């Protein structure tokens, strides 16, 4: 899998050299991560189906999570995208903290922030799935 990703990025870089402009590797990686988060969060569904943002609830209130498992609201999609951003940011900050050698305070702080973002993202995504399954039954 790593070899395929490397071959893909090298192919894009060769293509950009032919057109006489350079795409930085970090920009390419972050754009691929952003595209993956957009797809996983349901962005394509939002563009194609144009879902409502909130629904009228059963007892006269409003709900932001669609009770059916195969449909979602716009707010639910934005929540899932933000939880995925938290997860990827947590992984990235934890990785960056492992590369800092000469400043243990900064390394520890980045690790704590990264793990906190990771835990918030995982718990939030799981809660969204649990909430969806409880509303559907």
Protein backbone atom coordinates (compact mmCIF):
# COMPACT_ATOMS: atom_id res chain seq x y z
CA UNK A 1 0.00 0.00 0.00
CA UNK A 2 2.84 2.36 0.84
CA UNK A 3 4.51 1.59 -2.48
CA UNK A 4 1.29 2.39 -4.37
CA UNK A 5 0.93 5.72 -2.60
CA UNK A 6 4.57 6.53 -3.32
CA UNK A 7 4.16 5.59 -6.99
CA UNK A 8 1.03 7.74 -7.20
CA UNK A 9 2.71 10.79 -5.66
CA UNK A 10 5.75 10.33 -7.89
CA UNK A 11 3.49 10.07 -10.95
CA UNK A 12 1.74 13.31 -10.02
CA UNK A 13 5.10 15.00 -9.44
CA UNK A 14 6.37 13.81 -12.86
CA UNK A 15 3.18 15.10 -14.46
CA UNK A 16 3.63 18.47 -12.74
CA UNK A 17 7.23 18.68 -13.98
CA UNK A 18 6.01 18.25 -17.55
CA UNK A 19 3.65 21.20 -17.08
CA UNK A 20 6.49 23.27 -15.54
CA UNK A 21 5.02 23.74 -12.09
CA UNK A 22 5.83 21.92 -8.89
CA UNK A 23 3.34 20.58 -6.40
CA UNK A 24 4.85 20.37 -2.92
CA UNK A 25 4.67 16.90 -1.42
CA UNK A 26 3.05 18.12 1.81
CA UNK A 27 0.33 19.93 -0.13
CA UNK A 28 -0.34 16.78 -2.14
CA UNK A 29 -0.55 14.63 1.00
CA UNK A 30 -2.83 17.04 2.84
CA UNK A 31 -5.11 17.42 -0.18
CA UNK A 32 -5.41 13.62 -0.41
CA UNK A 33 -6.25 13.46 3.31
CA UNK A 34 -8.82 16.25 2.89
CA UNK A 35 -10.41 14.40 -0.03
CA UNK A 36 -10.56 11.19 2.02
CA UNK A 37 -12.16 13.02 4.95
CA UNK A 38 -14.68 14.65 2.60
CA UNK A 39 -15.64 11.28 1.12
CA UNK A 40 -15.78 9.47 4.47
CA UNK A 41 -17.87 12.23 6.03
CA UNK A 42 -20.52 11.99 3.32
CA UNK A 43 -19.62 15.05 1.28
CA UNK A 44 -20.50 13.40 -2.03
CA UNK A 45 -23.91 12.43 -0.63
CA UNK A 46 -24.41 16.05 0.44
CA UNK A 47 -23.53 17.36 -3.01
CA UNK A 48 -25.70 14.88 -4.90
CA UNK A 49 -28.75 14.56 -2.64
CA UNK A 50 -28.85 18.04 -0.99
CA UNK A 51 -30.14 16.84 2.42
CA UNK A 52 -31.93 19.07 4.92
CA UNK A 53 -29.98 20.35 7.91
CA UNK A 54 -32.50 19.45 10.63
CA UNK A 55 -35.68 17.38 10.78
CA UNK A 56 -38.86 17.83 12.79
CA UNK A 57 -38.80 15.52 15.77
CA UNK A 58 -41.51 13.05 16.77
CA UNK A 59 -42.65 15.14 19.75
CA UNK A 60 -42.56 18.57 18.14
CA UNK A 61 -38.85 19.35 18.58
CA UNK A 62 -36.01 19.26 16.09
CA UNK A 63 -33.43 16.55 15.52
CA UNK A 64 -30.11 16.88 13.71
CA UNK A 65 -29.44 13.16 13.21
CA UNK A 66 -31.55 11.31 10.66
CA UNK A 67 -33.10 8.18 12.19
CA UNK A 68 -32.59 6.02 9.08
CA UNK A 69 -29.18 4.40 8.70
CA UNK A 70 -28.93 4.97 4.92
CA UNK A 71 -29.69 8.72 5.04
CA UNK A 72 -28.13 11.66 6.84
CA UNK A 73 -28.71 15.33 7.46
CA UNK A 74 -26.27 18.08 6.58
CA UNK A 75 -25.47 18.72 10.26
CA UNK A 76 -24.73 15.03 10.76
CA UNK A 77 -22.37 15.10 7.81
CA UNK A 78 -20.56 18.19 9.12
CA UNK A 79 -20.26 16.57 12.55
CA UNK A 80 -18.76 13.40 11.11
CA UNK A 81 -16.33 15.42 8.97
CA UNK A 82 -15.22 17.40 12.03
CA UNK A 83 -14.73 14.20 14.05
CA UNK A 84 -12.60 12.74 11.24
CA UNK A 85 -10.56 15.97 11.16
CA UNK A 86 -10.03 15.60 14.93
CA UNK A 87 -8.86 12.00 14.46
CA UNK A 88 -6.41 12.81 11.66
CA UNK A 89 -5.14 15.90 13.50
CA UNK A 90 -4.60 13.83 16.63
CA UNK A 91 -2.60 11.26 14.70
CA UNK A 92 -0.57 13.99 13.00
CA UNK A 93 0.23 15.87 16.22
CA UNK A 94 1.19 12.64 17.98
CA UNK A 95 3.49 11.80 15.09
CA UNK A 96 5.06 15.28 15.15
CA UNK A 97 5.64 15.03 18.89
CA UNK A 98 7.66 11.88 18.38
CA UNK A 99 10.03 13.79 16.08
CA UNK A 100 10.89 16.53 18.60
CA UNK A 101 14.05 15.47 20.45
CA UNK A 102 15.57 18.51 22.10
CA UNK A 103 12.49 20.08 23.69
CA UNK A 104 10.73 17.49 25.88
CA UNK A 105 8.16 20.03 27.14
CA UNK A 106 6.97 20.82 23.61
CA UNK A 107 6.99 17.14 22.69
CA UNK A 108 4.90 16.25 25.73
CA UNK A 109 2.45 19.08 25.03
CA UNK A 110 1.98 18.02 21.40
CA UNK A 111 1.47 14.41 22.48
CA UNK A 112 -1.18 15.40 25.03
CA UNK A 113 -3.01 17.63 22.54
CA UNK A 114 -2.79 14.95 19.83
CA UNK A 115 -4.10 12.19 22.06
CA UNK A 116 -6.88 14.46 23.34
CA UNK A 117 -7.98 15.26 19.79
CA UNK A 118 -7.79 11.59 18.90
CA UNK A 119 -9.94 10.55 21.87
CA UNK A 120 -12.49 13.32 21.22
CA UNK A 121 -12.76 12.30 17.55
CA UNK A 122 -13.14 8.58 18.23
CA UNK A 123 -15.67 9.06 21.04
CA UNK A 124 -17.63 11.59 18.98
CA UNK A 125 -17.76 9.37 15.89
CA UNK A 126 -18.82 6.38 17.98
CA UNK A 127 -21.47 8.46 19.77
CA UNK A 128 -22.84 9.58 16.42
CA UNK A 129 -23.17 5.96 15.30
CA UNK A 130 -24.80 4.94 18.61
CA UNK A 131 -27.19 7.90 18.44
CA UNK A 132 -28.15 6.98 14.88
CA UNK A 133 -28.80 3.36 15.80
CA UNK A 134 -30.90 4.34 18.84
CA UNK A 135 -33.04 6.76 16.83
CA UNK A 136 -33.61 4.18 14.10
CA UNK A 137 -34.98 1.49 16.39
